[in-house]
C-alpha cells in the first residue's frame, strides 16, 4: 500500500507531464495505444467521477448553505461565461460544425475535477471551489444539454433528454455511489483516497489516448487551430472568472477560486458526450481531449502565479499593520 501511495503521489504531482507524454505518443504513434477504444470513455469517466465521490463529505456542501451568495455567483459565471466564450470563439474562427460542437460541449460542462487542487495551490478559497464543483456538477444534467442546444442546436441535432440521461449515468450516479460509500465506510475510503490520484490520472490519460489515437490523422491536419481555440477558451475563462469576482468586490481568495473554477472544465465529460451523442462528428471529441491536456498545464502555472500574488498581498498587509 505504501508503494501505491508513493506512486499515486508521483502521478498526481506530474499529471500534466504524463498526460502530455501519452497525448504525444497517441498522436505520433497511434498504434501503440490503439487497444484503448473510444467506447471505453464513458466507463473511464465514471471511474474518475466515482473517485471524486469518495472524497466528498457532507461538510463539503456546508458552504452552499453558509455562503450561498458566493456559490451562486460562481455557478452563474461558470454556466454563462464558458458557453458564451465557446460560441464566440467558434464564430470568430469559423470552426466547422464538428469542431464547434466539441468546443461548445467543453464550455457547457461543469467545473473540472482537478480545480479544487489548483485552487488550494493558488491559496484560493478551497471551500468555495469544492462547493462550486459540487453544485455545478449537480446542475450539469439540466444545464449542459440545455446550453448545448441553445448554442449548437442550429448546427447539429441536440437530443437534450438523451444527454441528460448520459450525464446522470456517467457523472451523478458514480459520484453519488462514492459519496454514500465514503459516508458509511469512511475507514475504508480513508485508506483508498491516497491512491485516487493514481486511478484518476490513469483514467484521464486513457481517455486522452483513446480519443487522440483514434483521430490522430485529422488532428495533425487541423491541430494548430484546435489547440489555439482551446488555449484561448481556457485563458479567457480564467480572466473573465477573476474579473467577475473583482467587479463584485469579492475577496482575492474568492476571486482566485472562481477564476480557476470557471476556467477549468470537466473536459472528460465533454469528450464522453461528444463520443456518445455526436458520433457522426468524430472531431467533436478532440477539443475535450486537448482541453484535458492543456488545462492541467495552465492550471498549475496559474496556481503558481496566484500563490505568489497572494504571498505578495499578505506581505503588504503585514507591513501596513506593522506601520
C-alpha atoms as a PDB file:
ATOM      1  CA  UNK A   1       0.000   0.000   0.000  1.00  0.00           C
ATOM      2  CA  UNK A   2       2.858   2.394   0.810  1.00  0.00           C
ATOM      3  CA  UNK A   3       4.362   1.778  -2.608  1.00  0.00           C
ATOM      4  CA  UNK A   4       0.999   2.544  -4.224  1.00  0.00           C
ATOM      5  CA  UNK A   5       0.701   5.753  -2.196  1.00  0.00           C
ATOM      6  CA  UNK A   6       4.143   6.901  -3.336  1.00  0.00           C
ATOM      7  CA  UNK A   7       3.304   6.059  -6.947  1.00  0.00           C
ATOM      8  CA  UNK A   8      -0.027   7.866  -6.587  1.00  0.00           C
ATOM      9  CA  UNK A   9       1.695  10.999  -5.234  1.00  0.00           C
ATOM     10  CA  UNK A  10       4.122  10.841  -8.152  1.00  0.00           C
ATOM     11  CA  UNK A  11       1.269  10.578 -10.677  1.00  0.00           C
ATOM     12  CA  UNK A  12      -0.612  13.424  -9.006  1.00  0.00           C
ATOM     13  CA  UNK A  13       2.453  15.669  -8.984  1.00  0.00           C
ATOM     14  CA  UNK A  14       3.417  15.024 -12.595  1.00  0.00           C
ATOM     15  CA  UNK A  15      -0.078  14.547 -14.033  1.00  0.00           C
ATOM     16  CA  UNK A  16       0.348  17.273 -16.668  1.00  0.00           C
ATOM     17  CA  UNK A  17       3.661  15.798 -17.877  1.00  0.00           C
ATOM     18  CA  UNK A  18       2.207  12.280 -18.053  1.00  0.00           C
ATOM     19  CA  UNK A  19      -0.867  13.451 -19.984  1.00  0.00           C
ATOM     20  CA  UNK A  20       1.306  15.397 -22.458  1.00  0.00           C
ATOM     21  CA  UNK A  21       3.630  12.422 -22.990  1.00  0.00           C
ATOM     22  CA  UNK A  22       0.766   9.991 -23.632  1.00  0.00           C
ATOM     23  CA  UNK A  23      -1.038  12.508 -25.882  1.00  0.00           C
ATOM     24  CA  UNK A  24       2.135  12.937 -27.957  1.00  0.00           C
ATOM     25  CA  UNK A  25       2.572   9.159 -28.193  1.00  0.00           C
ATOM     26  CA  UNK A  26      -1.055   8.683 -29.251  1.00  0.00           C
ATOM     27  CA  UNK A  27      -0.704  11.436 -31.850  1.00  0.00           C
ATOM     28  CA  UNK A  28       2.593  10.373 -33.402  1.00  0.00           C
ATOM     29  CA  UNK A  29       2.334   6.597 -32.923  1.00  0.00           C
ATOM     30  CA  UNK A  30      -1.398   5.862 -32.576  1.00  0.00           C
ATOM     31  CA  UNK A  31      -0.912   2.127 -32.993  1.00  0.00           C
ATOM     32  CA  UNK A  32       0.873   1.879 -29.639  1.00  0.00           C
ATOM     33  CA  UNK A  33      -2.282   2.809 -27.710  1.00  0.00           C
ATOM     34  CA  UNK A  34      -4.969   1.735 -30.173  1.00  0.00           C
ATOM     35  CA  UNK A  35      -6.028  -1.040 -27.773  1.00  0.00           C
ATOM     36  CA  UNK A  36      -7.728   1.696 -25.711  1.00  0.00           C
ATOM     37  CA  UNK A  37     -11.015   2.158 -27.567  1.00  0.00           C
ATOM     38  CA  UNK A  38     -13.185   5.281 -27.580  1.00  0.00           C
ATOM     39  CA  UNK A  39     -16.036   3.034 -26.399  1.00  0.00           C
ATOM     40  CA  UNK A  40     -14.223   2.872 -23.043  1.00  0.00           C
ATOM     41  CA  UNK A  41     -14.533   6.637 -22.468  1.00  0.00           C
ATOM     42  CA  UNK A  42     -17.808   6.532 -20.529  1.00  0.00           C
ATOM     43  CA  UNK A  43     -16.539   3.805 -18.191  1.00  0.00           C
ATOM     44  CA  UNK A  44     -13.265   5.620 -17.616  1.00  0.00           C
ATOM     45  CA  UNK A  45     -15.061   8.890 -16.851  1.00  0.00           C
ATOM     46  CA  UNK A  46     -17.348   7.016 -14.444  1.00  0.00           C
ATOM     47  CA  UNK A  47     -14.244   5.787 -12.584  1.00  0.00           C
ATOM     48  CA  UNK A  48     -12.950   9.369 -12.266  1.00  0.00           C
ATOM     49  CA  UNK A  49     -16.342  10.575 -11.014  1.00  0.00           C
ATOM     50  CA  UNK A  50     -16.581   7.686  -8.526  1.00  0.00           C
ATOM     51  CA  UNK A  51     -13.187   8.701  -7.169  1.00  0.00           C
ATOM     52  CA  UNK A  52     -14.406  12.268  -6.813  1.00  0.00           C
ATOM     53  CA  UNK A  53     -17.429  10.998  -4.868  1.00  0.00           C
ATOM     54  CA  UNK A  54     -15.162   9.088  -2.484  1.00  0.00           C
ATOM     55  CA  UNK A  55     -13.512  12.376  -1.486  1.00  0.00           C
ATOM     56  CA  UNK A  56     -16.779  14.212  -0.766  1.00  0.00           C
ATOM     57  CA  UNK A  57     -18.227  14.607   2.726  1.00  0.00           C
ATOM     58  CA  UNK A  58     -21.469  16.242   3.920  1.00  0.00           C
ATOM     59  CA  UNK A  59     -19.340  19.106   5.254  1.00  0.00           C
ATOM     60  CA  UNK A  60     -18.196  19.913   1.724  1.00  0.00           C
ATOM     61  CA  UNK A  61     -21.719  21.132   0.986  1.00  0.00           C
ATOM     62  CA  UNK A  62     -21.761  23.383   4.067  1.00  0.00           C
ATOM     63  CA  UNK A  63     -20.505  26.351   2.049  1.00  0.00           C
ATOM     64  CA  UNK A  64     -23.589  26.070  -0.196  1.00  0.00           C
ATOM     65  CA  UNK A  65     -25.818  26.922   2.764  1.00  0.00           C
ATOM     66  CA  UNK A  66     -23.463  29.121   4.795  1.00  0.00           C
ATOM     67  CA  UNK A  67     -22.338  31.256   1.816  1.00  0.00           C
ATOM     68  CA  UNK A  68     -24.969  30.761  -0.908  1.00  0.00           C
ATOM     69  CA  UNK A  69     -24.207  34.151  -2.493  1.00  0.00           C
ATOM     70  CA  UNK A  70     -20.604  33.175  -3.305  1.00  0.00           C
ATOM     71  CA  UNK A  71     -21.600  29.794  -4.752  1.00  0.00           C
ATOM     72  CA  UNK A  72     -24.435  31.320  -6.808  1.00  0.00           C
ATOM     73  CA  UNK A  73     -22.098  33.982  -8.225  1.00  0.00           C
ATOM     74  CA  UNK A  74     -19.533  31.330  -9.119  1.00  0.00           C
ATOM     75  CA  UNK A  75     -22.016  28.945 -10.738  1.00  0.00           C
ATOM     76  CA  UNK A  76     -23.698  31.696 -12.750  1.00  0.00           C
ATOM     77  CA  UNK A  77     -20.256  32.726 -14.003  1.00  0.00           C
ATOM     78  CA  UNK A  78     -19.476  29.073 -14.789  1.00  0.00           C
ATOM     79  CA  UNK A  79     -22.564  28.455 -16.902  1.00  0.00           C
ATOM     80  CA  UNK A  80     -22.679  31.830 -18.658  1.00  0.00           C
ATOM     81  CA  UNK A  81     -19.065  32.775 -19.406  1.00  0.00           C
ATOM     82  CA  UNK A  82     -17.648  29.479 -20.705  1.00  0.00           C
ATOM     83  CA  UNK A  83     -20.557  28.575 -23.037  1.00  0.00           C
ATOM     84  CA  UNK A  84     -20.672  32.130 -24.401  1.00  0.00           C
ATOM     85  CA  UNK A  85     -16.904  32.213 -24.915  1.00  0.00           C
ATOM     86  CA  UNK A  86     -17.069  28.853 -26.705  1.00  0.00           C
ATOM     87  CA  UNK A  87     -19.808  30.106 -29.017  1.00  0.00           C
ATOM     88  CA  UNK A  88     -17.970  33.363 -29.802  1.00  0.00           C
ATOM     89  CA  UNK A  89     -14.670  31.583 -30.476  1.00  0.00           C
ATOM     90  CA  UNK A  90     -16.409  29.105 -32.792  1.00  0.00           C
ATOM     91  CA  UNK A  91     -17.875  32.068 -34.685  1.00  0.00           C
ATOM     92  CA  UNK A  92     -14.653  34.100 -34.698  1.00  0.00           C
ATOM     93  CA  UNK A  93     -12.527  31.253 -36.060  1.00  0.00           C
ATOM     94  CA  UNK A  94     -15.329  29.957 -38.313  1.00  0.00           C
ATOM     95  CA  UNK A  95     -14.954  26.442 -36.971  1.00  0.00           C
ATOM     96  CA  UNK A  96     -16.608  23.645 -38.921  1.00  0.00           C
ATOM     97  CA  UNK A  97     -19.623  22.088 -37.122  1.00  0.00           C
ATOM     98  CA  UNK A  98     -17.699  19.062 -35.820  1.00  0.00           C
ATOM     99  CA  UNK A  99     -15.127  21.249 -34.058  1.00  0.00           C
ATOM    100  CA  UNK A 100     -17.638  23.893 -32.991  1.00  0.00           C
ATOM    101  CA  UNK A 101     -19.818  21.344 -31.191  1.00  0.00           C
ATOM    102  CA  UNK A 102     -16.745  19.982 -29.398  1.00  0.00           C
ATOM    103  CA  UNK A 103     -15.697  23.423 -28.172  1.00  0.00           C
ATOM    104  CA  UNK A 104     -19.268  24.270 -27.130  1.00  0.00           C
ATOM    105  CA  UNK A 105     -19.556  20.985 -25.202  1.00  0.00           C
ATOM    106  CA  UNK A 106     -16.428  21.885 -23.246  1.00  0.00           C
ATOM    107  CA  UNK A 107     -17.962  25.262 -22.462  1.00  0.00           C
ATOM    108  CA  UNK A 108     -21.286  23.887 -21.261  1.00  0.00           C
ATOM    109  CA  UNK A 109     -19.802  21.273 -18.921  1.00  0.00           C
ATOM    110  CA  UNK A 110     -19.372  21.777 -15.144  1.00  0.00           C
ATOM    111  CA  UNK A 111     -16.123  22.540 -13.335  1.00  0.00           C
ATOM    112  CA  UNK A 112     -13.160  20.188 -13.646  1.00  0.00           C
ATOM    113  CA  UNK A 113     -12.237  17.579 -11.054  1.00  0.00           C
ATOM    114  CA  UNK A 114      -8.719  18.965 -10.533  1.00  0.00           C
ATOM    115  CA  UNK A 115      -9.872  22.567  -9.983  1.00  0.00           C
ATOM    116  CA  UNK A 116     -10.050  22.068  -6.214  1.00  0.00           C
ATOM    117  CA  UNK A 117      -6.380  21.057  -6.059  1.00  0.00           C
ATOM    118  CA  UNK A 118      -5.370  24.021  -8.223  1.00  0.00           C
ATOM    119  CA  UNK A 119      -7.388  26.368  -6.001  1.00  0.00           C
ATOM    120  CA  UNK A 120      -5.584  25.000  -2.948  1.00  0.00           C
ATOM    121  CA  UNK A 121      -2.197  25.505  -4.620  1.00  0.00           C
ATOM    122  CA  UNK A 122      -3.196  29.055  -5.595  1.00  0.00           C
ATOM    123  CA  UNK A 123      -4.071  29.921  -1.956  1.00  0.00           C
ATOM    124  CA  UNK A 124      -7.645  30.428  -3.086  1.00  0.00           C
ATOM    125  CA  UNK A 125     -10.909  29.772  -1.268  1.00  0.00           C
ATOM    126  CA  UNK A 126     -10.964  25.956  -1.289  1.00  0.00           C
ATOM    127  CA  UNK A 127     -14.416  25.511   0.359  1.00  0.00           C
ATOM    128  CA  UNK A 128     -15.901  27.788  -2.313  1.00  0.00           C
ATOM    129  CA  UNK A 129     -14.137  25.808  -5.036  1.00  0.00           C
ATOM    130  CA  UNK A 130     -15.427  22.488  -3.684  1.00  0.00           C
ATOM    131  CA  UNK A 131     -18.931  23.945  -3.310  1.00  0.00           C
ATOM    132  CA  UNK A 132     -18.904  25.285  -6.871  1.00  0.00           C
ATOM    133  CA  UNK A 133     -17.693  21.960  -8.291  1.00  0.00           C
ATOM    134  CA  UNK A 134     -20.379  20.062  -6.381  1.00  0.00           C
ATOM    135  CA  UNK A 135     -23.232  22.408  -7.327  1.00  0.00           C
ATOM    136  CA  UNK A 136     -22.207  22.802 -10.981  1.00  0.00           C
ATOM    137  CA  UNK A 137     -21.922  19.006 -11.277  1.00  0.00           C
ATOM    138  CA  UNK A 138     -25.413  18.540  -9.806  1.00  0.00           C
ATOM    139  CA  UNK A 139     -26.772  21.185 -12.204  1.00  0.00           C
ATOM    140  CA  UNK A 140     -24.973  19.697 -15.220  1.00  0.00           C
ATOM    141  CA  UNK A 141     -27.675  17.155 -16.214  1.00  0.00           C
ATOM    142  CA  UNK A 142     -30.079  20.062 -16.659  1.00  0.00           C
ATOM    143  CA  UNK A 143     -27.886  22.936 -17.852  1.00  0.00           C
ATOM    144  CA  UNK A 144     -25.342  21.152 -20.073  1.00  0.00           C
ATOM    145  CA  UNK A 145     -27.954  19.714 -22.508  1.00  0.00           C
ATOM    146  CA  UNK A 146     -29.964  22.951 -22.451  1.00  0.00           C
ATOM    147  CA  UNK A 147     -26.972  25.218 -23.111  1.00  0.00           C
ATOM    148  CA  UNK A 148     -25.641  22.846 -25.779  1.00  0.00           C
ATOM    149  CA  UNK A 149     -28.994  23.074 -27.525  1.00  0.00           C
ATOM    150  CA  UNK A 150     -29.048  26.893 -27.225  1.00  0.00           C
ATOM    151  CA  UNK A 151     -25.549  27.374 -28.628  1.00  0.00           C
ATOM    152  CA  UNK A 152     -25.240  24.422 -31.031  1.00  0.00           C
ATOM    153  CA  UNK A 153     -28.837  23.470 -31.865  1.00  0.00           C
ATOM    154  CA  UNK A 154     -28.698  25.282 -35.199  1.00  0.00           C
ATOM    155  CA  UNK A 155     -25.516  23.433 -36.227  1.00  0.00           C
ATOM    156  CA  UNK A 156     -26.323  19.866 -35.226  1.00  0.00           C
ATOM    157  CA  UNK A 157     -29.208  17.832 -33.809  1.00  0.00           C
ATOM    158  CA  UNK A 158     -29.052  18.005 -29.994  1.00  0.00           C
ATOM    159  CA  UNK A 159     -31.076  15.402 -28.060  1.00  0.00           C
ATOM    160  CA  UNK A 160     -31.382  17.024 -24.629  1.00  0.00           C
ATOM    161  CA  UNK A 161     -33.161  14.096 -22.958  1.00  0.00           C
ATOM    162  CA  UNK A 162     -30.535  11.612 -24.126  1.00  0.00           C
ATOM    163  CA  UNK A 163     -27.721  13.905 -22.950  1.00  0.00           C
ATOM    164  CA  UNK A 164     -29.469  14.326 -19.591  1.00  0.00           C
ATOM    165  CA  UNK A 165     -29.560  10.554 -19.092  1.00  0.00           C
ATOM    166  CA  UNK A 166     -25.915  10.182 -20.115  1.00  0.00           C
ATOM    167  CA  UNK A 167     -24.762  12.743 -17.540  1.00  0.00           C
ATOM    168  CA  UNK A 168     -26.847  11.038 -14.855  1.00  0.00           C
ATOM    169  CA  UNK A 169     -25.245   7.681 -15.698  1.00  0.00           C
ATOM    170  CA  UNK A 170     -21.596   8.665 -16.082  1.00  0.00           C
ATOM    171  CA  UNK A 171     -21.410  11.558 -13.582  1.00  0.00           C
ATOM    172  CA  UNK A 172     -24.189  11.739 -10.992  1.00  0.00           C
ATOM    173  CA  UNK A 173     -24.597   8.001 -10.251  1.00  0.00           C
ATOM    174  CA  UNK A 174     -20.827   7.308  -9.789  1.00  0.00           C
ATOM    175  CA  UNK A 175     -20.376  10.434  -7.634  1.00  0.00           C
ATOM    176  CA  UNK A 176     -23.426   9.543  -5.526  1.00  0.00           C
ATOM    177  CA  UNK A 177     -22.150   5.968  -5.100  1.00  0.00           C
ATOM    178  CA  UNK A 178     -18.735   7.228  -3.998  1.00  0.00           C
ATOM    179  CA  UNK A 179     -20.324   9.729  -1.611  1.00  0.00           C
ATOM    180  CA  UNK A 180     -22.512   7.048   0.026  1.00  0.00           C
ATOM    181  CA  UNK A 181     -19.609   4.612   0.378  1.00  0.00           C
ATOM    182  CA  UNK A 182     -17.453   7.348   1.913  1.00  0.00           C
ATOM    183  CA  UNK A 183     -20.225   8.201   4.378  1.00  0.00           C
ATOM    184  CA  UNK A 184     -20.862   4.641   5.579  1.00  0.00           C
ATOM    185  CA  UNK A 185     -17.392   3.146   5.159  1.00  0.00           C
ATOM    186  CA  UNK A 186     -15.149   6.108   5.975  1.00  0.00           C
ATOM    187  CA  UNK A 187     -12.344   3.940   7.413  1.00  0.00           C
ATOM    188  CA  UNK A 188     -12.031   2.088   4.133  1.00  0.00           C
ATOM    189  CA  UNK A 189     -12.180   5.229   1.983  1.00  0.00           C
ATOM    190  CA  UNK A 190      -9.551   6.988   4.115  1.00  0.00           C
ATOM    191  CA  UNK A 191      -7.134   4.243   3.108  1.00  0.00           C
ATOM    192  CA  UNK A 192      -8.176   4.222  -0.538  1.00  0.00           C
ATOM    193  CA  UNK A 193      -8.279   8.014  -1.036  1.00  0.00           C
ATOM    194  CA  UNK A 194      -4.463   8.210  -1.015  1.00  0.00           C
ATOM    195  CA  UNK A 195      -4.245   6.203  -4.219  1.00  0.00           C
ATOM    196  CA  UNK A 196      -7.057   8.075  -6.021  1.00  0.00           C
ATOM    197  CA  UNK A 197      -4.640  10.371  -7.926  1.00  0.00           C
ATOM    198  CA  UNK A 198      -3.106   7.223  -9.468  1.00  0.00           C
ATOM    199  CA  UNK A 199      -6.516   5.860 -10.502  1.00  0.00           C
ATOM    200  CA  UNK A 200      -7.886   9.200 -11.743  1.00  0.00           C
ATOM    201  CA  UNK A 201      -4.747  10.124 -13.666  1.00  0.00           C
ATOM    202  CA  UNK A 202      -4.635   6.677 -15.308  1.00  0.00           C
ATOM    203  CA  UNK A 203      -8.288   7.008 -16.358  1.00  0.00           C
ATOM    204  CA  UNK A 204      -7.833  10.548 -17.724  1.00  0.00           C
ATOM    205  CA  UNK A 205      -4.688   9.521 -19.586  1.00  0.00           C
ATOM    206  CA  UNK A 206      -6.555   6.554 -21.090  1.00  0.00           C
ATOM    207  CA  UNK A 207      -9.383   8.852 -22.253  1.00  0.00           C
ATOM    208  CA  UNK A 208      -6.887  11.198 -23.926  1.00  0.00           C
ATOM    209  CA  UNK A 209      -5.022   8.263 -25.510  1.00  0.00           C
ATOM    210  CA  UNK A 210      -8.228   6.740 -26.898  1.00  0.00           C
ATOM    211  CA  UNK A 211      -9.519   9.955 -28.453  1.00  0.00           C
ATOM    212  CA  UNK A 212      -6.192  11.240 -29.793  1.00  0.00           C
ATOM    213  CA  UNK A 213      -5.118   7.908 -31.298  1.00  0.00           C
ATOM    214  CA  UNK A 214      -8.495   7.428 -32.991  1.00  0.00           C
ATOM    215  CA  UNK A 215      -8.287  10.870 -34.608  1.00  0.00           C
ATOM    216  CA  UNK A 216      -4.525  11.359 -34.979  1.00  0.00           C
ATOM    217  CA  UNK A 217      -4.571  11.952 -38.746  1.00  0.00           C
ATOM    218  CA  UNK A 218      -7.275  14.618 -38.511  1.00  0.00           C
ATOM    219  CA  UNK A 219      -5.586  16.302 -35.554  1.00  0.00           C
ATOM    220  CA  UNK A 220      -2.325  16.582 -37.477  1.00  0.00           C
ATOM    221  CA  UNK A 221      -4.109  18.417 -40.301  1.00  0.00           C
ATOM    222  CA  UNK A 222      -6.066  20.854 -38.116  1.00  0.00           C
ATOM    223  CA  UNK A 223      -4.242  20.560 -34.801  1.00  0.00           C
ATOM    224  CA  UNK A 224      -2.964  24.129 -34.516  1.00  0.00           C
ATOM    225  CA  UNK A 225      -6.446  25.562 -34.940  1.00  0.00           C
ATOM    226  CA  UNK A 226      -7.907  23.267 -32.259  1.00  0.00           C
ATOM    227  CA  UNK A 227      -5.070  23.915 -29.813  1.00  0.00           C
ATOM    228  CA  UNK A 228      -5.264  27.679 -30.355  1.00  0.00           C
ATOM    229  CA  UNK A 229      -9.017  27.828 -29.736  1.00  0.00           C
ATOM    230  CA  UNK A 230      -8.757  25.586 -26.660  1.00  0.00           C
ATOM    231  CA  UNK A 231      -5.985  27.718 -25.151  1.00  0.00           C
ATOM    232  CA  UNK A 232      -7.944  30.919 -25.771  1.00  0.00           C
ATOM    233  CA  UNK A 233     -11.116  29.414 -24.303  1.00  0.00           C
ATOM    234  CA  UNK A 234      -9.315  28.304 -21.158  1.00  0.00           C
ATOM    235  CA  UNK A 235      -7.309  31.502 -20.606  1.00  0.00           C
ATOM    236  CA  UNK A 236     -10.312  33.754 -21.258  1.00  0.00           C
ATOM    237  CA  UNK A 237     -12.260  31.639 -18.751  1.00  0.00           C
ATOM    238  CA  UNK A 238      -9.632  32.299 -16.085  1.00  0.00           C
ATOM    239  CA  UNK A 239      -9.542  36.019 -16.884  1.00  0.00           C
ATOM    240  CA  UNK A 240     -13.284  36.619 -17.052  1.00  0.00           C
ATOM    241  CA  UNK A 241     -13.909  34.490 -13.951  1.00  0.00           C
ATOM    242  CA  UNK A 242     -11.444  36.570 -11.956  1.00  0.00           C
ATOM    243  CA  UNK A 243     -12.893  39.777 -13.393  1.00  0.00           C
ATOM    244  CA  UNK A 244     -16.390  38.859 -12.211  1.00  0.00           C
ATOM    245  CA  UNK A 245     -15.083  38.425  -8.683  1.00  0.00           C
ATOM    246  CA  UNK A 246     -13.237  41.758  -8.792  1.00  0.00           C
ATOM    247  CA  UNK A 247     -16.237  43.534 -10.297  1.00  0.00           C
ATOM    248  CA  UNK A 248     -18.428  42.290  -7.430  1.00  0.00           C
ATOM    249  CA  UNK A 249     -15.689  43.283  -4.933  1.00  0.00           C
ATOM    250  CA  UNK A 250     -15.104  39.789  -3.605  1.00  0.00           C
ATOM    251  CA  UNK A 251     -12.006  38.945  -1.576  1.00  0.00           C
ATOM    252  CA  UNK A 252      -8.894  37.975  -3.593  1.00  0.00           C
ATOM    253  CA  UNK A 253      -9.057  34.346  -2.378  1.00  0.00           C
ATOM    254  CA  UNK A 254     -12.630  34.066  -3.693  1.00  0.00           C
ATOM    255  CA  UNK A 255     -11.634  35.677  -6.987  1.00  0.00           C
ATOM    256  CA  UNK A 256      -8.873  33.113  -7.430  1.00  0.00           C
ATOM    257  CA  UNK A 257     -11.273  30.244  -6.705  1.00  0.00           C
ATOM    258  CA  UNK A 258     -13.907  31.492  -9.161  1.00  0.00           C
ATOM    259  CA  UNK A 259     -11.250  32.135 -11.797  1.00  0.00           C
ATOM    260  CA  UNK A 260      -9.951  28.554 -11.629  1.00  0.00           C
ATOM    261  CA  UNK A 261     -13.417  27.004 -11.369  1.00  0.00           C
ATOM    262  CA  UNK A 262     -14.639  28.892 -14.426  1.00  0.00           C
ATOM    263  CA  UNK A 263     -11.519  28.226 -16.499  1.00  0.00           C
ATOM    264  CA  UNK A 264     -11.111  24.520 -15.702  1.00  0.00           C
ATOM    265  CA  UNK A 265     -13.863  22.359 -17.197  1.00  0.00           C
ATOM    266  CA  UNK A 266     -14.865  18.724 -16.883  1.00  0.00           C
ATOM    267  CA  UNK A 267     -13.465  18.094 -20.339  1.00  0.00           C
ATOM    268  CA  UNK A 268     -13.695  14.342 -19.839  1.00  0.00           C
ATOM    269  CA  UNK A 269     -17.468  14.733 -19.761  1.00  0.00           C
ATOM    270  CA  UNK A 270     -17.327  16.849 -22.935  1.00  0.00           C
ATOM    271  CA  UNK A 271     -15.372  14.069 -24.654  1.00  0.00           C
ATOM    272  CA  UNK A 272     -17.806  11.432 -23.397  1.00  0.00           C
ATOM    273  CA  UNK A 273     -20.856  13.356 -24.599  1.00  0.00           C
ATOM    274  CA  UNK A 274     -19.249  14.021 -27.983  1.00  0.00           C
ATOM    275  CA  UNK A 275     -18.407  10.349 -28.475  1.00  0.00           C
ATOM    276  CA  UNK A 276     -21.865   9.177 -27.389  1.00  0.00           C
ATOM    277  CA  UNK A 277     -24.214  11.756 -28.902  1.00  0.00           C
ATOM    278  CA  UNK A 278     -22.273  13.199 -31.832  1.00  0.00           C
ATOM    279  CA  UNK A 279     -20.655  10.076 -33.270  1.00  0.00           C
ATOM    280  CA  UNK A 280     -21.343  11.410 -36.775  1.00  0.00           C
ATOM    281  CA  UNK A 281     -18.789  14.142 -35.996  1.00  0.00           C
ATOM    282  CA  UNK A 282     -15.601  12.328 -34.863  1.00  0.00           C
ATOM    283  CA  UNK A 283     -13.644  15.565 -34.476  1.00  0.00           C
ATOM    284  CA  UNK A 284     -16.120  16.729 -31.814  1.00  0.00           C
ATOM    285  CA  UNK A 285     -14.220  14.621 -29.285  1.00  0.00           C
ATOM    286  CA  UNK A 286     -10.924  16.422 -29.930  1.00  0.00           C
ATOM    287  CA  UNK A 287     -11.475  19.788 -28.134  1.00  0.00           C
ATOM    288  CA  UNK A 288     -12.308  17.926 -24.908  1.00  0.00           C
ATOM    289  CA  UNK A 289      -9.185  15.755 -25.195  1.00  0.00           C
ATOM    290  CA  UNK A 290      -6.952  18.759 -25.929  1.00  0.00           C
ATOM    291  CA  UNK A 291      -8.567  20.693 -23.077  1.00  0.00           C
ATOM    292  CA  UNK A 292      -7.795  17.768 -20.722  1.00  0.00           C
ATOM    293  CA  UNK A 293      -4.125  18.104 -21.571  1.00  0.00           C
ATOM    294  CA  UNK A 294      -3.926  21.882 -21.633  1.00  0.00           C
ATOM    295  CA  UNK A 295      -5.915  22.908 -18.548  1.00  0.00           C
ATOM    296  CA  UNK A 296      -3.748  20.783 -16.266  1.00  0.00           C
ATOM    297  CA  UNK A 297      -0.710  22.675 -17.553  1.00  0.00           C
ATOM    298  CA  UNK A 298      -2.290  26.129 -17.448  1.00  0.00           C
ATOM    299  CA  UNK A 299      -3.952  25.413 -14.093  1.00  0.00           C
ATOM    300  CA  UNK A 300      -0.628  24.534 -12.481  1.00  0.00           C
ATOM    301  CA  UNK A 301       1.057  27.638 -13.941  1.00  0.00           C
ATOM    302  CA  UNK A 302      -1.810  29.925 -12.915  1.00  0.00           C
ATOM    303  CA  UNK A 303      -1.945  28.429  -9.410  1.00  0.00           C
ATOM    304  CA  UNK A 304       1.740  29.222  -9.001  1.00  0.00           C
ATOM    305  CA  UNK A 305       1.238  32.811 -10.189  1.00  0.00           C
ATOM    306  CA  UNK A 306      -1.786  33.292  -7.934  1.00  0.00           C
ATOM    307  CA  UNK A 307       0.095  31.857  -4.948  1.00  0.00           C
ATOM    308  CA  UNK A 308       2.912  34.379  -5.490  1.00  0.00           C
ATOM    309  CA  UNK A 309       0.376  37.203  -5.753  1.00  0.00           C
ATOM    310  CA  UNK A 310      -1.288  36.043  -2.537  1.00  0.00           C
ATOM    311  CA  UNK A 311       2.079  35.960  -0.804  1.00  0.00           C
ATOM    312  CA  UNK A 312       2.850  39.492  -2.008  1.00  0.00           C
ATOM    313  CA  UNK A 313      -0.551  40.755  -0.866  1.00  0.00           C
ATOM    314  CA  UNK A 314      -0.030  39.117   2.509  1.00  0.00           C
ATOM    315  CA  UNK A 315       3.374  40.763   2.923  1.00  0.00           C
ATOM    316  CA  UNK A 316       1.947  44.160   2.018  1.00  0.00           C
ATOM    317  CA  UNK A 317      -0.880  43.706   4.522  1.00  0.00           C
ATOM    318  CA  UNK A 318       1.608  42.709   7.214  1.00  0.00           C
ATOM    319  CA  UNK A 319       3.749  45.779   6.576  1.00  0.00           C
ATOM    320  CA  UNK A 320       0.669  48.020   6.684  1.00  0.00           C
ATOM    321  CA  UNK A 321      -0.331  46.568  10.060  1.00  0.00           C
ATOM    322  CA  UNK A 322       3.176  46.951  11.489  1.00  0.00           C
ATOM    323  CA  UNK A 323       3.221  50.601  10.476  1.00  0.00           C
END
